[in-house]
Amino acid sequence: MLIVVALVGALWAMDARKNGPTSQNAQRVEAQALQLSSAANFGTAAVQLQAYYAENNTFVGATLPPAFAVQLVRADATSYCLQSGTGTAVQHVVGPGGTPAAGPC
């Protein structure tokens, strides 16, 4: 009985390394989900910023609500830089019209 328990435990541990929350597959899927979420958040923020620009003819002074999950790091007369994420998962977009890229602004 002890041998059976040991074998089941070993098989479970091997499976957990391959399919568990710390597996490479799980980390890859989490990174992809973060990228998709950030892209959606960047798009929503860009719409808000374009509306601000249409009213003020500049991005200077624009703000974003915390609910957007995006930080407006830099805004000048004709461009802005948005940032999302933490640690090694930071992404940014230089706009208007930019695409998400890895790293901070």
N, C-alpha and C. Protein backbone atom coordinates (compact mmCIF):
# COMPACT_ATOMS: atom_id res chain seq x y z
N MET A 1 0.83 -1.19 0.00
CA MET A 1 0.00 0.00 0.00
C MET A 1 0.88 1.26 0.00
N LEU A 2 1.96 1.22 0.75
CA LEU A 2 2.87 2.36 0.81
C LEU A 2 3.51 2.63 -0.55
N ILE A 3 3.83 1.57 -1.28
CA ILE A 3 4.43 1.72 -2.61
C ILE A 3 3.43 2.36 -3.57
N VAL A 4 2.17 1.98 -3.49
CA VAL A 4 1.14 2.54 -4.36
C VAL A 4 0.97 4.03 -4.08
N VAL A 5 0.96 4.41 -2.80
CA VAL A 5 0.83 5.81 -2.43
C VAL A 5 2.03 6.60 -2.94
N ALA A 6 3.23 6.05 -2.83
CA ALA A 6 4.43 6.71 -3.30
C ALA A 6 4.39 6.89 -4.82
N LEU A 7 3.95 5.86 -5.56
CA LEU A 7 3.86 5.97 -7.02
C LEU A 7 2.83 7.02 -7.44
N VAL A 8 1.67 7.01 -6.78
CA VAL A 8 0.65 8.00 -7.12
C VAL A 8 1.17 9.41 -6.83
N GLY A 9 1.85 9.58 -5.70
CA GLY A 9 2.43 10.88 -5.36
C GLY A 9 3.46 11.33 -6.39
N ALA A 10 4.31 10.43 -6.84
CA ALA A 10 5.32 10.76 -7.83
C ALA A 10 4.68 11.14 -9.17
N LEU A 11 3.67 10.38 -9.59
CA LEU A 11 2.98 10.70 -10.83
C LEU A 11 2.27 12.05 -10.74
N TRP A 12 1.66 12.33 -9.60
CA TRP A 12 0.99 13.61 -9.40
C TRP A 12 1.98 14.77 -9.48
N ALA A 13 3.15 14.60 -8.84
CA ALA A 13 4.17 15.65 -8.85
C ALA A 13 4.68 15.90 -10.27
N MET A 14 4.88 14.83 -11.04
CA MET A 14 5.34 14.99 -12.42
C MET A 14 4.30 15.73 -13.26
N ASP A 15 3.03 15.40 -13.06
CA ASP A 15 1.96 16.05 -13.79
C ASP A 15 1.83 17.52 -13.37
N ALA A 16 2.00 17.81 -12.10
CA ALA A 16 1.88 19.18 -11.60
C ALA A 16 2.96 20.07 -12.21
N ARG A 17 4.18 19.55 -12.39
CA ARG A 17 5.24 20.33 -13.01
C ARG A 17 4.92 20.64 -14.47
N LYS A 18 4.25 19.70 -15.14
CA LYS A 18 3.95 19.88 -16.56
C LYS A 18 2.69 20.72 -16.78
N ASN A 19 1.68 20.58 -15.93
CA ASN A 19 0.40 21.23 -16.16
C ASN A 19 -0.06 22.14 -15.02
N GLY A 20 0.72 22.28 -13.99
CA GLY A 20 0.34 23.07 -12.83
C GLY A 20 0.47 24.56 -13.07
N PRO A 21 0.15 25.37 -12.05
CA PRO A 21 0.16 26.82 -12.21
C PRO A 21 1.55 27.42 -12.45
N THR A 22 2.61 26.69 -12.14
CA THR A 22 3.96 27.21 -12.38
C THR A 22 4.59 26.61 -13.63
N SER A 23 3.83 25.85 -14.38
CA SER A 23 4.37 25.23 -15.59
C SER A 23 4.61 26.29 -16.67
N GLN A 24 5.46 25.97 -17.62
CA GLN A 24 5.75 26.90 -18.71
C GLN A 24 4.49 27.18 -19.52
N ASN A 25 3.66 26.18 -19.71
CA ASN A 25 2.43 26.36 -20.47
C ASN A 25 1.50 27.35 -19.76
N ALA A 26 1.35 27.20 -18.45
CA ALA A 26 0.49 28.10 -17.69
C ALA A 26 1.05 29.52 -17.71
N GLN A 27 2.35 29.67 -17.60
CA GLN A 27 2.96 30.99 -17.63
C GLN A 27 2.80 31.64 -19.00
N ARG A 28 2.91 30.85 -20.07
CA ARG A 28 2.73 31.37 -21.43
C ARG A 28 1.29 31.84 -21.63
N VAL A 29 0.32 31.04 -21.18
CA VAL A 29 -1.08 31.41 -21.32
C VAL A 29 -1.39 32.67 -20.51
N GLU A 30 -0.82 32.77 -19.31
CA GLU A 30 -1.02 33.96 -18.48
C GLU A 30 -0.45 35.21 -19.16
N ALA A 31 0.73 35.08 -19.77
CA ALA A 31 1.33 36.21 -20.47
C ALA A 31 0.48 36.64 -21.66
N GLN A 32 -0.08 35.68 -22.40
CA GLN A 32 -0.93 36.00 -23.54
C GLN A 32 -2.21 36.71 -23.07
N ALA A 33 -2.77 36.24 -21.97
CA ALA A 33 -3.98 36.88 -21.43
C ALA A 33 -3.69 38.31 -21.00
N LEU A 34 -2.53 38.53 -20.39
CA LEU A 34 -2.14 39.87 -19.98
C LEU A 34 -1.97 40.78 -21.19
N GLN A 35 -1.39 40.27 -22.27
CA GLN A 35 -1.21 41.07 -23.48
C GLN A 35 -2.55 41.46 -24.09
N LEU A 36 -3.50 40.52 -24.13
CA LEU A 36 -4.82 40.82 -24.68
C LEU A 36 -5.56 41.83 -23.82
N SER A 37 -5.47 41.66 -22.52
CA SER A 37 -6.11 42.60 -21.59
C SER A 37 -5.51 43.99 -21.73
N SER A 38 -4.20 44.06 -21.80
CA SER A 38 -3.53 45.35 -21.95
C SER A 38 -3.93 46.02 -23.26
N ALA A 39 -4.00 45.25 -24.33
CA ALA A 39 -4.38 45.81 -25.63
C ALA A 39 -5.78 46.41 -25.58
N ALA A 40 -6.70 45.72 -24.91
CA ALA A 40 -8.06 46.24 -24.78
C ALA A 40 -8.06 47.52 -23.94
N ASN A 41 -7.32 47.51 -22.85
CA ASN A 41 -7.24 48.69 -21.99
C ASN A 41 -6.59 49.87 -22.72
N PHE A 42 -5.54 49.59 -23.49
CA PHE A 42 -4.90 50.65 -24.27
C PHE A 42 -5.89 51.25 -25.28
N GLY A 43 -6.68 50.40 -25.91
CA GLY A 43 -7.65 50.88 -26.89
C GLY A 43 -8.70 51.78 -26.26
N THR A 44 -9.20 51.40 -25.09
CA THR A 44 -10.18 52.21 -24.39
C THR A 44 -9.59 53.56 -23.99
N ALA A 45 -8.37 53.53 -23.47
CA ALA A 45 -7.71 54.76 -23.07
C ALA A 45 -7.44 55.66 -24.27
N ALA A 46 -7.07 55.07 -25.40
CA ALA A 46 -6.79 55.86 -26.60
C ALA A 46 -8.03 56.60 -27.07
N VAL A 47 -9.18 55.96 -26.98
CA VAL A 47 -10.43 56.62 -27.36
C VAL A 47 -10.67 57.83 -26.46
N GLN A 48 -10.47 57.65 -25.17
CA GLN A 48 -10.63 58.74 -24.20
C GLN A 48 -9.67 59.90 -24.52
N LEU A 49 -8.43 59.55 -24.82
CA LEU A 49 -7.44 60.59 -25.12
C LEU A 49 -7.75 61.31 -26.43
N GLN A 50 -8.24 60.58 -27.43
CA GLN A 50 -8.60 61.22 -28.69
C GLN A 50 -9.76 62.19 -28.50
N ALA A 51 -10.70 61.84 -27.63
CA ALA A 51 -11.81 62.75 -27.33
C ALA A 51 -11.29 64.01 -26.64
N TYR A 52 -10.33 63.84 -25.73
CA TYR A 52 -9.73 64.98 -25.05
C TYR A 52 -9.01 65.87 -26.08
N TYR A 53 -8.27 65.24 -26.98
CA TYR A 53 -7.55 65.99 -28.01
C TYR A 53 -8.51 66.76 -28.92
N ALA A 54 -9.63 66.14 -29.27
CA ALA A 54 -10.61 66.80 -30.14
C ALA A 54 -11.18 68.06 -29.48
N GLU A 55 -11.30 68.04 -28.16
CA GLU A 55 -11.84 69.21 -27.44
C GLU A 55 -10.78 70.27 -27.16
N ASN A 56 -9.51 69.85 -26.96
CA ASN A 56 -8.47 70.77 -26.50
C ASN A 56 -7.33 71.00 -27.47
N ASN A 57 -7.28 70.23 -28.56
CA ASN A 57 -6.22 70.32 -29.56
C ASN A 57 -4.83 70.07 -28.97
N THR A 58 -4.77 69.31 -27.88
CA THR A 58 -3.52 68.89 -27.23
C THR A 58 -3.82 67.72 -26.30
N PHE A 59 -2.80 66.95 -25.99
CA PHE A 59 -2.95 65.89 -25.00
C PHE A 59 -2.52 66.36 -23.61
N VAL A 60 -1.88 67.53 -23.54
CA VAL A 60 -1.41 68.08 -22.27
C VAL A 60 -2.60 68.31 -21.35
N GLY A 61 -2.50 67.81 -20.13
CA GLY A 61 -3.57 67.98 -19.16
C GLY A 61 -4.57 66.84 -19.13
N ALA A 62 -4.45 65.90 -20.05
CA ALA A 62 -5.38 64.77 -20.08
C ALA A 62 -5.13 63.86 -18.88
N THR A 63 -6.18 63.23 -18.42
CA THR A 63 -6.08 62.26 -17.33
C THR A 63 -6.93 61.05 -17.68
N LEU A 64 -6.61 59.94 -17.05
CA LEU A 64 -7.37 58.71 -17.24
C LEU A 64 -7.84 58.20 -15.89
N PRO A 65 -9.07 57.71 -15.81
CA PRO A 65 -9.54 57.15 -14.55
C PRO A 65 -8.80 55.85 -14.23
N PRO A 66 -8.64 55.53 -12.93
CA PRO A 66 -7.96 54.29 -12.54
C PRO A 66 -8.62 53.03 -13.09
N ALA A 67 -9.90 53.09 -13.38
CA ALA A 67 -10.62 51.92 -13.88
C ALA A 67 -10.08 51.43 -15.23
N PHE A 68 -9.36 52.28 -15.94
CA PHE A 68 -8.80 51.89 -17.24
C PHE A 68 -7.63 50.93 -17.09
N ALA A 69 -7.05 50.83 -15.90
CA ALA A 69 -5.90 49.96 -15.63
C ALA A 69 -4.70 50.30 -16.51
N VAL A 70 -4.61 51.56 -16.89
CA VAL A 70 -3.54 52.08 -17.74
C VAL A 70 -3.08 53.41 -17.16
N GLN A 71 -1.79 53.64 -17.16
CA GLN A 71 -1.25 54.91 -16.69
C GLN A 71 -0.87 55.78 -17.88
N LEU A 72 -1.23 57.03 -17.79
CA LEU A 72 -0.78 58.01 -18.77
C LEU A 72 0.55 58.55 -18.24
N VAL A 73 1.65 58.05 -18.79
CA VAL A 73 2.98 58.38 -18.28
C VAL A 73 3.47 59.71 -18.82
N ARG A 74 3.18 59.98 -20.09
CA ARG A 74 3.65 61.20 -20.73
C ARG A 74 2.61 61.68 -21.72
N ALA A 75 2.38 62.99 -21.74
CA ALA A 75 1.47 63.59 -22.71
C ALA A 75 2.02 64.95 -23.11
N ASP A 76 2.18 65.16 -24.41
CA ASP A 76 2.59 66.48 -24.90
C ASP A 76 1.53 66.96 -25.90
N ALA A 77 1.85 67.95 -26.68
CA ALA A 77 0.87 68.54 -27.58
C ALA A 77 0.33 67.57 -28.62
N THR A 78 1.19 66.65 -29.11
CA THR A 78 0.76 65.78 -30.22
C THR A 78 0.88 64.29 -29.96
N SER A 79 1.40 63.89 -28.81
CA SER A 79 1.57 62.45 -28.56
C SER A 79 1.44 62.16 -27.07
N TYR A 80 1.38 60.86 -26.76
CA TYR A 80 1.28 60.40 -25.39
C TYR A 80 1.91 59.02 -25.28
N CYS A 81 2.17 58.60 -24.06
CA CYS A 81 2.67 57.25 -23.81
C CYS A 81 1.85 56.65 -22.67
N LEU A 82 1.24 55.50 -22.95
CA LEU A 82 0.46 54.76 -21.98
C LEU A 82 1.25 53.55 -21.52
N GLN A 83 1.09 53.18 -20.26
CA GLN A 83 1.82 52.04 -19.71
C GLN A 83 0.87 51.19 -18.88
N SER A 84 1.09 49.87 -18.93
CA SER A 84 0.26 48.93 -18.19
C SER A 84 1.12 47.76 -17.73
N GLY A 85 0.74 47.16 -16.61
CA GLY A 85 1.43 45.99 -16.11
C GLY A 85 2.41 46.33 -15.01
N THR A 86 3.03 45.29 -14.46
CA THR A 86 4.01 45.44 -13.39
C THR A 86 5.17 44.48 -13.61
N GLY A 87 6.28 44.79 -12.99
CA GLY A 87 7.45 43.91 -13.05
C GLY A 87 7.93 43.68 -14.46
N THR A 88 8.10 42.41 -14.81
CA THR A 88 8.59 42.06 -16.15
C THR A 88 7.48 42.05 -17.18
N ALA A 89 6.23 42.26 -16.76
CA ALA A 89 5.09 42.22 -17.67
C ALA A 89 4.63 43.62 -18.07
N VAL A 90 5.51 44.60 -18.01
CA VAL A 90 5.14 45.98 -18.36
C VAL A 90 5.09 46.12 -19.88
N GLN A 91 4.03 46.79 -20.34
CA GLN A 91 3.88 47.11 -21.76
C GLN A 91 3.56 48.59 -21.89
N HIS A 92 3.83 49.13 -23.07
CA HIS A 92 3.51 50.54 -23.31
C HIS A 92 3.03 50.73 -24.74
N VAL A 93 2.38 51.85 -24.96
CA VAL A 93 1.94 52.27 -26.29
C VAL A 93 2.26 53.75 -26.43
N VAL A 94 2.92 54.11 -27.52
CA VAL A 94 3.14 55.51 -27.84
C VAL A 94 2.09 55.86 -28.89
N GLY A 95 1.31 56.87 -28.59
CA GLY A 95 0.20 57.18 -29.48
C GLY A 95 0.22 58.62 -29.92
N PRO A 96 -0.69 58.94 -30.78
CA PRO A 96 -1.78 58.09 -31.24
C PRO A 96 -1.34 57.09 -32.32
N GLY A 97 -2.06 56.02 -32.41
CA GLY A 97 -1.84 55.04 -33.45
C GLY A 97 -0.77 54.00 -33.20
N GLY A 98 -0.18 53.95 -32.00
CA GLY A 98 0.87 52.99 -31.72
C GLY A 98 0.32 51.60 -31.42
N THR A 99 1.21 50.65 -31.36
CA THR A 99 0.86 49.29 -30.99
C THR A 99 1.58 48.93 -29.69
N PRO A 100 1.00 48.03 -28.90
CA PRO A 100 1.62 47.64 -27.63
C PRO A 100 3.04 47.07 -27.85
N ALA A 101 3.95 47.48 -26.99
CA ALA A 101 5.33 46.99 -27.04
C ALA A 101 5.78 46.66 -25.62
N ALA A 102 6.73 45.79 -25.50
CA ALA A 102 7.24 45.39 -24.19
C ALA A 102 8.05 46.51 -23.58
N GLY A 103 8.02 46.57 -22.25
CA GLY A 103 8.84 47.54 -21.51
C GLY A 103 8.08 48.80 -21.16
N PRO A 104 8.69 49.61 -20.31
CA PRO A 104 8.06 50.87 -19.90
C PRO A 104 8.20 51.95 -20.97
N CYS A 105 7.49 53.04 -20.75
CA CYS A 105 7.56 54.20 -21.66
C CYS A 105 8.97 54.76 -21.70
